[in-house]
Amino acid sequence: MGLFDFFKKKPTKTIAVEILYPSSWENGMPPVKVVAIEILQPTPGKAVDIALPKVDTLETETETETETETENASEKLDTGLKKTKKTWSERWNAFMANFRSVDEDFFDDLEETLIGADVGAQTAMQLTDELRDEVKLQNAKSKQDVSKVIVDKLVDLYRSQGVNEDASMHFAPEGPTVILLVGVNGVGKTTTIGKLSAYYKNAGKKVVLAAADTFRAGATEQLVAWGERNDIPVVTGSSKADPASVVFDGVKTAIDTQADILFVDTAGRLQNNVNLMQELSKMKRIITRELPNEPQEVLLTLDATTGQNAVQQAKLFKDSTDVTGIVLTKLDGTAKGGIILPIRNELHLPVKWVGLGEKVTDIQPFEANDFAKSLFGSLLTESK
């Protein structure tokens, strides 16, 4: 006998309640599945106690993320840069441990140390040349004075790169803004879209996603999963469909539903693949045709763990499409966070976002001052 069989003296009724998802999405609510409700018919005067099974209380992902959201942004940055800071500190301490005098050998060793810290050969040479003049100008001779001059110069360089660069996101005063995520496979484009879409939804924006990476197996399913997780609609196409057609449908959907932002996930085959660049150009033409007066953002997603390879990818994409900014992902999993410096210094592209972990809230706008303070804070203290 089932748990409720003793109730069933009369035939039970089942009411199917179907809430249709409005095609206009005016109320902004997610689709609701058909819910079956069974009405039980107990016999009067014969109620019995029912021992319901105990359900363990599980900590939900939402609860965890709510706690994470309360964490200070600077603390997140400090935590995310832990490996990079450790490497910087170790390299710097090893370099200064061999300090004898400020001569040409000293500056040669400094250049090698900077290259080893992933600031890039071009930036390392530029820095070393500037530091030659700075050390002489300040007449720094002691180990402590030289260390302070160099670290201060590094901090100033990080901060100064942001003086004339536009690291803000641009949005239309009315109508949707399209944000394309581009980059090679494996850098975290789809995950970044999931994080950014949640970020802007929490800020009160109405968001739509478009799965235009129709060639990579599982890419659409992954984006759909993010959409379900964040209660955000996703526009999809069939496997191997023309990516531009998905972008067209996404733009139309964003316009019809009065969305504020349309995020587009794009294919990420080899960055020098001509077909890929042609696809991106076609997408841009469609967006411009449908939204001629609205701003667009093209965010190049780079994996910080790849170091100098990320700079090469950025150069190729910058030459092939109108990149407006960089998203640097996986900073928490690498000691190569110094790669931000050559990206900004050599390519003159603003880093707009940094990914600092795997949770949906582990992304934040890039602030050069905060980054420099976090990366070199301990060295500044030591050099005083």
Protein backbone atom coordinates (compact mmCIF):
# COMPACT_ATOMS: atom_id res chain seq x y z
CA MET A 1 0.00 0.00 0.00
CA GLY A 2 1.36 3.43 -0.93
CA LEU A 3 1.71 6.25 1.51
CA PHE A 4 -1.58 7.91 0.56
CA ASP A 5 -3.56 4.83 -0.59
CA PHE A 6 -5.79 4.83 2.53
CA PHE A 7 -7.15 8.23 1.54
CA LYS A 8 -8.48 7.11 -1.81
CA LYS A 9 -12.09 6.18 -1.00
CA LYS A 10 -13.25 8.28 -3.92
CA PRO A 11 -11.63 8.71 -7.31
CA THR A 12 -9.04 11.44 -7.15
CA LYS A 13 -8.88 14.34 -9.50
CA THR A 14 -5.79 15.62 -11.21
CA ILE A 15 -5.64 19.20 -12.36
CA ALA A 16 -3.01 20.13 -14.92
CA VAL A 17 -1.91 23.69 -14.43
CA GLU A 18 0.02 25.13 -17.36
CA ILE A 19 1.58 28.58 -17.15
CA LEU A 20 2.55 29.64 -20.62
CA TYR A 21 5.71 31.67 -21.06
CA PRO A 22 4.58 34.93 -22.74
CA SER A 23 6.12 35.36 -26.16
CA SER A 24 6.59 39.03 -25.37
CA TRP A 25 8.46 38.31 -22.11
CA GLU A 26 6.88 41.48 -20.74
CA ASN A 27 7.00 40.37 -17.13
CA GLY A 28 10.59 39.15 -17.44
CA MET A 29 9.71 35.81 -15.79
CA PRO A 30 11.36 32.54 -16.86
CA PRO A 31 9.36 29.75 -18.47
CA VAL A 32 7.47 27.48 -16.06
CA LYS A 33 6.91 23.81 -16.78
CA VAL A 34 3.55 22.07 -16.54
CA VAL A 35 2.76 21.30 -12.92
CA ALA A 36 0.48 18.42 -11.98
CA ILE A 37 -1.48 18.86 -8.72
CA GLU A 38 -3.22 15.87 -7.15
CA ILE A 39 -6.21 16.68 -4.92
CA LEU A 40 -6.54 14.11 -2.12
CA GLN A 41 -9.95 13.13 -0.73
CA PRO A 42 -9.54 12.12 2.94
CA THR A 43 -12.38 10.48 4.86
CA PRO A 44 -13.73 12.81 7.59
CA GLY A 45 -12.84 11.78 11.13
CA LYS A 46 -10.22 9.27 10.03
CA ALA A 47 -7.15 11.42 9.74
CA VAL A 48 -3.93 9.74 10.78
CA ASP A 49 -0.45 10.98 11.55
CA ILE A 50 1.91 10.68 8.62
CA ALA A 51 5.64 10.41 9.26
CA LEU A 52 7.25 12.25 6.41
CA PRO A 53 10.84 11.36 5.53
CA LYS A 54 13.46 13.77 6.82
CA VAL A 55 15.26 15.79 4.18
CA ASP A 56 18.80 16.88 4.84
CA THR A 57 19.28 20.62 4.52
CA LEU A 58 21.84 21.28 1.84
CA GLU A 59 23.80 24.47 1.46
CA THR A 60 22.66 25.87 -1.85
CA GLU A 61 24.89 27.47 -4.40
CA THR A 62 22.85 30.65 -4.07
CA GLU A 63 23.54 30.88 -0.35
CA THR A 64 27.24 30.37 -0.96
CA GLU A 65 27.28 33.01 -3.65
CA THR A 66 25.38 35.47 -1.46
CA GLU A 67 28.10 35.15 1.15
CA THR A 68 30.73 35.61 -1.56
CA GLU A 69 29.06 38.79 -2.79
CA THR A 70 29.59 40.38 0.61
CA GLU A 71 33.33 39.86 0.33
CA ASN A 72 35.20 43.09 -0.28
CA ALA A 73 36.31 43.56 -3.91
CA SER A 74 39.88 44.31 -2.87
CA GLU A 75 39.97 41.15 -0.75
CA LYS A 76 38.82 39.15 -3.78
CA LEU A 77 41.57 40.72 -5.83
CA ASP A 78 44.17 39.96 -3.16
CA THR A 79 43.02 36.36 -3.05
CA GLY A 80 42.89 36.03 -6.83
CA LEU A 81 46.41 37.41 -7.23
CA LYS A 82 47.90 35.24 -4.51
CA LYS A 83 50.01 33.10 -6.86
CA THR A 84 51.16 36.07 -8.92
CA LYS A 85 52.11 38.06 -5.82
CA LYS A 86 54.04 35.12 -4.43
CA THR A 87 56.01 34.76 -7.66
CA TRP A 88 56.71 38.49 -7.90
CA SER A 89 57.91 38.56 -4.31
CA GLU A 90 60.13 35.51 -4.70
CA ARG A 91 61.70 36.79 -7.92
CA TRP A 92 62.21 40.25 -6.48
CA ASN A 93 63.75 39.01 -3.25
CA ALA A 94 66.08 36.70 -5.17
CA PHE A 95 67.08 39.58 -7.43
CA MET A 96 67.75 42.03 -4.59
CA ALA A 97 69.61 39.35 -2.57
CA ASN A 98 72.38 39.55 -5.19
CA PHE A 99 72.54 43.35 -5.07
CA ARG A 100 76.07 44.69 -4.92
CA SER A 101 76.04 47.99 -6.80
CA VAL A 102 74.10 49.87 -9.47
CA ASP A 103 76.03 48.96 -12.59
CA GLU A 104 75.28 47.57 -16.03
CA ASP A 105 75.18 44.00 -14.74
CA PHE A 106 72.53 45.10 -12.24
CA PHE A 107 70.27 46.43 -15.00
CA ASP A 108 70.85 43.34 -17.16
CA ASP A 109 69.73 41.17 -14.26
CA LEU A 110 66.76 43.47 -13.67
CA GLU A 111 65.66 43.10 -17.29
CA GLU A 112 65.84 39.30 -17.02
CA THR A 113 63.86 39.39 -13.78
CA LEU A 114 61.10 41.47 -15.38
CA ILE A 115 60.91 39.18 -18.41
CA GLY A 116 60.67 36.21 -16.07
CA ALA A 117 57.76 37.94 -14.34
CA ASP A 118 55.83 37.96 -17.64
CA VAL A 119 55.95 41.68 -18.30
CA GLY A 120 57.25 40.90 -21.80
CA ALA A 121 60.58 41.63 -23.47
CA GLN A 122 59.51 44.95 -24.99
CA THR A 123 58.07 46.28 -21.74
CA ALA A 124 61.03 44.96 -19.73
CA MET A 125 63.50 46.81 -21.98
CA GLN A 126 61.46 50.00 -21.78
CA LEU A 127 61.24 49.75 -17.99
CA THR A 128 64.93 49.06 -17.59
CA ASP A 129 65.89 52.06 -19.72
CA GLU A 130 63.59 54.33 -17.71
CA LEU A 131 64.92 52.96 -14.43
CA ARG A 132 68.51 53.69 -15.43
CA ASP A 133 67.60 57.35 -15.60
CA GLU A 134 65.38 57.26 -12.51
CA VAL A 135 68.01 55.64 -10.28
CA LYS A 136 70.60 58.21 -11.38
CA LEU A 137 68.12 61.06 -10.98
CA GLN A 138 67.34 60.11 -7.41
CA ASN A 139 70.96 59.21 -6.66
CA ALA A 140 69.83 55.86 -5.26
CA LYS A 141 72.76 53.74 -4.19
CA SER A 142 71.74 51.66 -1.21
CA LYS A 143 69.83 48.44 -1.61
CA GLN A 144 66.77 49.90 0.11
CA ASP A 145 66.75 53.11 -1.97
CA VAL A 146 67.19 51.26 -5.26
CA SER A 147 64.42 48.83 -4.39
CA LYS A 148 62.05 51.68 -3.55
CA VAL A 149 62.79 53.55 -6.80
CA ILE A 150 62.18 50.47 -8.95
CA VAL A 151 59.01 49.32 -7.19
CA ASP A 152 57.57 52.85 -7.25
CA LYS A 153 58.30 52.99 -10.99
CA LEU A 154 56.52 49.68 -11.55
CA VAL A 155 53.48 50.90 -9.63
CA ASP A 156 53.44 54.19 -11.56
CA LEU A 157 53.63 52.34 -14.87
CA TYR A 158 50.65 50.15 -14.02
CA ARG A 159 48.65 53.15 -12.94
CA SER A 160 49.71 55.49 -15.75
CA GLN A 161 48.57 53.06 -18.43
CA GLY A 162 45.00 53.75 -17.41
CA VAL A 163 45.19 57.54 -17.66
CA ASN A 164 44.22 57.79 -21.33
CA GLU A 165 42.52 54.45 -21.82
CA ASP A 166 38.77 53.92 -21.74
CA ALA A 167 38.12 50.94 -19.50
CA SER A 168 34.41 51.65 -19.04
CA MET A 169 31.57 49.71 -20.63
CA HIS A 170 29.39 51.70 -23.03
CA PHE A 171 25.61 51.22 -23.06
CA ALA A 172 22.82 52.58 -25.19
CA PRO A 173 20.55 55.11 -23.45
CA GLU A 174 17.65 53.21 -25.03
CA GLY A 175 17.47 49.85 -26.73
CA PRO A 176 19.85 46.91 -26.45
CA THR A 177 23.63 47.03 -26.34
CA VAL A 178 25.36 44.08 -27.98
CA ILE A 179 28.45 42.64 -26.27
CA LEU A 180 30.41 40.06 -28.27
CA LEU A 181 32.85 37.76 -26.51
CA VAL A 182 35.67 36.66 -28.82
CA GLY A 183 38.79 34.57 -28.26
CA VAL A 184 40.23 31.12 -28.91
CA ASN A 185 38.66 27.96 -27.54
CA GLY A 186 39.33 27.18 -23.91
CA VAL A 187 39.93 30.70 -22.61
CA GLY A 188 36.60 30.87 -20.80
CA LYS A 189 34.32 32.88 -23.11
CA THR A 190 31.12 31.04 -22.25
CA THR A 191 31.84 31.05 -18.52
CA THR A 192 32.63 34.76 -18.70
CA ILE A 193 29.28 35.40 -20.39
CA GLY A 194 27.58 33.48 -17.59
CA LYS A 195 29.31 35.62 -14.98
CA LEU A 196 28.79 38.94 -16.76
CA SER A 197 25.13 38.22 -17.50
CA ALA A 198 24.52 37.48 -13.81
CA TYR A 199 26.46 40.63 -12.85
CA TYR A 200 24.31 42.88 -15.02
CA LYS A 201 21.05 41.13 -14.19
CA ASN A 202 21.78 41.74 -10.52
CA ALA A 203 22.39 45.38 -11.44
CA GLY A 204 18.84 45.59 -12.80
CA LYS A 205 19.53 45.08 -16.50
CA LYS A 206 17.38 42.88 -18.72
CA VAL A 207 19.69 40.42 -20.44
CA VAL A 208 19.45 38.00 -23.39
CA LEU A 209 22.11 35.52 -24.52
CA ALA A 210 22.85 34.30 -28.05
CA ALA A 211 24.70 31.01 -28.61
CA ALA A 212 26.54 31.81 -31.85
CA ASP A 213 29.29 29.22 -31.29
CA THR A 214 27.43 26.61 -33.31
CA PHE A 215 30.43 24.50 -34.29
CA ARG A 216 32.01 23.52 -30.97
CA ALA A 217 30.38 20.45 -29.46
CA GLY A 218 28.55 21.35 -26.26
CA ALA A 219 28.99 25.12 -26.58
CA THR A 220 25.27 25.82 -26.99
CA GLU A 221 24.35 23.42 -24.18
CA GLN A 222 26.86 25.11 -21.89
CA LEU A 223 25.41 28.56 -22.56
CA VAL A 224 21.85 27.26 -22.13
CA ALA A 225 22.88 25.85 -18.74
CA TRP A 226 24.15 29.29 -17.72
CA GLY A 227 20.89 30.82 -18.92
CA GLU A 228 18.84 28.41 -16.83
CA ARG A 229 21.07 28.98 -13.84
CA ASN A 230 20.65 32.76 -14.03
CA ASP A 231 17.03 32.74 -15.32
CA ILE A 232 18.09 34.47 -18.52
CA PRO A 233 16.66 33.56 -21.96
CA VAL A 234 19.04 32.08 -24.54
CA VAL A 235 18.62 32.31 -28.32
CA THR A 236 20.00 29.19 -30.03
CA GLY A 237 20.34 27.73 -33.51
CA SER A 238 20.79 24.23 -34.83
CA SER A 239 24.16 22.51 -34.81
CA LYS A 240 26.44 23.80 -37.58
CA ALA A 241 24.01 26.65 -38.29
CA ASP A 242 25.36 29.92 -39.63
CA PRO A 243 26.52 31.81 -36.51
CA ALA A 244 25.41 35.10 -38.07
CA SER A 245 21.84 33.80 -38.27
CA VAL A 246 21.85 33.19 -34.51
CA VAL A 247 23.17 36.71 -33.98
CA PHE A 248 20.36 38.07 -36.17
CA ASP A 249 17.75 36.16 -34.15
CA GLY A 250 19.40 37.32 -30.94
CA VAL A 251 19.32 40.97 -31.97
CA LYS A 252 15.67 40.71 -33.04
CA THR A 253 14.78 39.04 -29.74
CA ALA A 254 16.63 41.69 -27.75
CA ILE A 255 14.79 44.45 -29.63
CA ASP A 256 11.36 42.80 -29.39
CA THR A 257 11.72 42.11 -25.66
CA GLN A 258 13.23 45.53 -24.91
CA ALA A 259 16.32 43.96 -23.42
CA ASP A 260 19.17 46.14 -22.22
CA ILE A 261 22.03 43.80 -23.13
CA LEU A 262 22.58 41.01 -25.64
CA PHE A 263 25.63 38.85 -24.94
CA VAL A 264 26.90 36.89 -27.95
CA ASP A 265 29.08 33.80 -27.54
CA THR A 266 31.24 33.36 -30.65
CA ALA A 267 33.31 30.55 -32.13
CA GLY A 268 36.93 30.28 -31.06
CA ARG A 269 38.84 28.36 -33.65
CA LEU A 270 42.46 29.32 -34.32
CA GLN A 271 42.87 33.07 -34.17
CA ASN A 272 44.52 33.20 -37.60
CA ASN A 273 41.66 31.29 -39.23
CA VAL A 274 40.32 33.45 -42.06
CA ASN A 275 36.83 31.95 -41.86
CA LEU A 276 36.55 32.84 -38.19
CA MET A 277 37.41 36.46 -38.85
CA GLN A 278 34.95 36.57 -41.72
CA GLU A 279 32.26 35.25 -39.37
CA LEU A 280 33.01 37.98 -36.86
CA SER A 281 32.86 40.62 -39.58
CA LYS A 282 29.50 39.29 -40.77
CA MET A 283 28.14 39.38 -37.23
CA LYS A 284 29.26 42.97 -36.82
CA ARG A 285 27.57 43.98 -40.08
CA ILE A 286 24.28 42.44 -38.97
CA ILE A 287 24.43 44.15 -35.58
CA THR A 288 25.27 47.52 -37.14
CA ARG A 289 22.46 47.15 -39.69
CA GLU A 290 19.84 46.38 -37.03
CA LEU A 291 21.20 48.75 -34.35
CA PRO A 292 23.03 51.46 -36.31
CA ASN A 293 23.10 54.05 -33.55
CA GLU A 294 23.80 51.85 -30.55
CA PRO A 295 27.21 51.16 -29.01
CA GLN A 296 28.79 47.74 -29.29
CA GLU A 297 31.43 46.09 -27.17
CA VAL A 298 33.81 43.42 -28.45
CA LEU A 299 35.55 41.87 -25.47
CA LEU A 300 38.57 39.70 -26.20
CA THR A 301 38.81 36.93 -23.62
CA LEU A 302 42.35 35.90 -22.73
CA ASP A 303 43.52 33.12 -20.42
CA ALA A 304 46.06 34.55 -17.96
CA THR A 305 47.64 31.13 -17.48
CA THR A 306 48.98 31.20 -21.06
CA GLY A 307 51.31 34.14 -20.35
CA GLN A 308 52.95 35.57 -23.46
CA ASN A 309 50.70 33.49 -25.74
CA ALA A 310 47.85 35.69 -24.57
CA VAL A 311 49.68 38.75 -25.91
CA GLN A 312 50.14 37.09 -29.31
CA GLN A 313 46.45 36.18 -29.45
CA ALA A 314 45.52 39.75 -28.57
CA LYS A 315 47.70 41.12 -31.38
CA LEU A 316 46.09 38.85 -33.99
CA PHE A 317 42.53 39.57 -32.86
CA LYS A 318 43.20 43.29 -32.63
CA ASP A 319 44.41 43.26 -36.25
CA SER A 320 41.33 41.32 -37.38
CA THR A 321 38.42 42.85 -35.49
CA ASP A 322 37.50 45.98 -33.54
CA VAL A 323 38.35 44.87 -30.00
CA THR A 324 37.13 47.38 -27.41
CA GLY A 325 38.55 45.71 -24.33
CA ILE A 326 40.06 42.66 -22.65
CA VAL A 327 38.67 40.15 -20.18
CA LEU A 328 41.55 38.39 -18.45
CA THR A 329 40.37 35.09 -17.00
CA LYS A 330 41.81 32.54 -14.54
CA LEU A 331 43.98 35.03 -12.68
CA ASP A 332 43.49 32.99 -9.52
CA GLY A 333 45.03 29.91 -11.13
CA THR A 334 48.28 31.40 -12.39
CA ALA A 335 51.45 33.16 -11.32
CA LYS A 336 51.44 35.09 -14.63
CA GLY A 337 49.17 37.98 -13.66
CA GLY A 338 51.95 40.35 -14.73
CA ILE A 339 50.79 39.74 -18.29
CA ILE A 340 48.34 42.62 -17.81
CA LEU A 341 51.21 45.09 -18.15
CA PRO A 342 52.37 44.18 -21.70
CA ILE A 343 48.75 43.80 -22.84
CA ARG A 344 48.08 47.41 -21.88
CA ASN A 345 51.52 48.81 -22.61
CA GLU A 346 52.20 47.18 -25.99
CA LEU A 347 48.71 46.75 -27.41
CA HIS A 348 47.04 49.83 -25.93
CA LEU A 349 43.93 47.80 -25.16
CA PRO A 350 42.13 48.40 -21.87
CA VAL A 351 41.63 45.46 -19.54
CA LYS A 352 37.98 45.88 -18.56
CA TRP A 353 37.32 42.75 -16.50
CA VAL A 354 39.30 40.17 -14.56
CA GLY A 355 38.16 36.67 -13.64
CA LEU A 356 39.28 35.62 -10.17
CA GLY A 357 37.68 32.22 -9.60
CA GLU A 358 35.03 29.74 -10.68
CA LYS A 359 31.96 31.06 -8.84
CA VAL A 360 29.46 33.17 -10.72
CA THR A 361 30.44 36.21 -8.64
CA ASP A 362 34.18 35.80 -9.25
CA ILE A 363 34.51 38.55 -11.82
CA GLN A 364 35.01 42.27 -11.35
CA PRO A 365 35.89 45.42 -13.28
CA PHE A 366 39.63 45.99 -13.60
CA GLU A 367 40.98 48.91 -11.59
CA ALA A 368 44.62 49.71 -12.29
CA ASN A 369 45.26 51.36 -8.91
CA ASP A 370 43.78 48.45 -6.97
CA PHE A 371 45.68 45.95 -9.10
CA ALA A 372 49.03 47.70 -8.59
CA LYS A 373 48.42 48.08 -4.87
CA SER A 374 47.53 44.41 -4.52
CA LEU A 375 50.37 43.12 -6.70
CA PHE A 376 53.18 45.28 -5.27
CA GLY A 377 51.80 46.13 -1.83
CA SER A 378 54.16 43.86 0.09
CA LEU A 379 57.17 45.04 -1.94
CA LEU A 380 56.29 48.68 -1.25
CA THR A 381 56.18 47.91 2.46
CA GLU A 382 59.50 46.10 2.36
CA SER A 383 61.21 48.90 0.43
CA LYS A 384 60.29 51.56 2.99
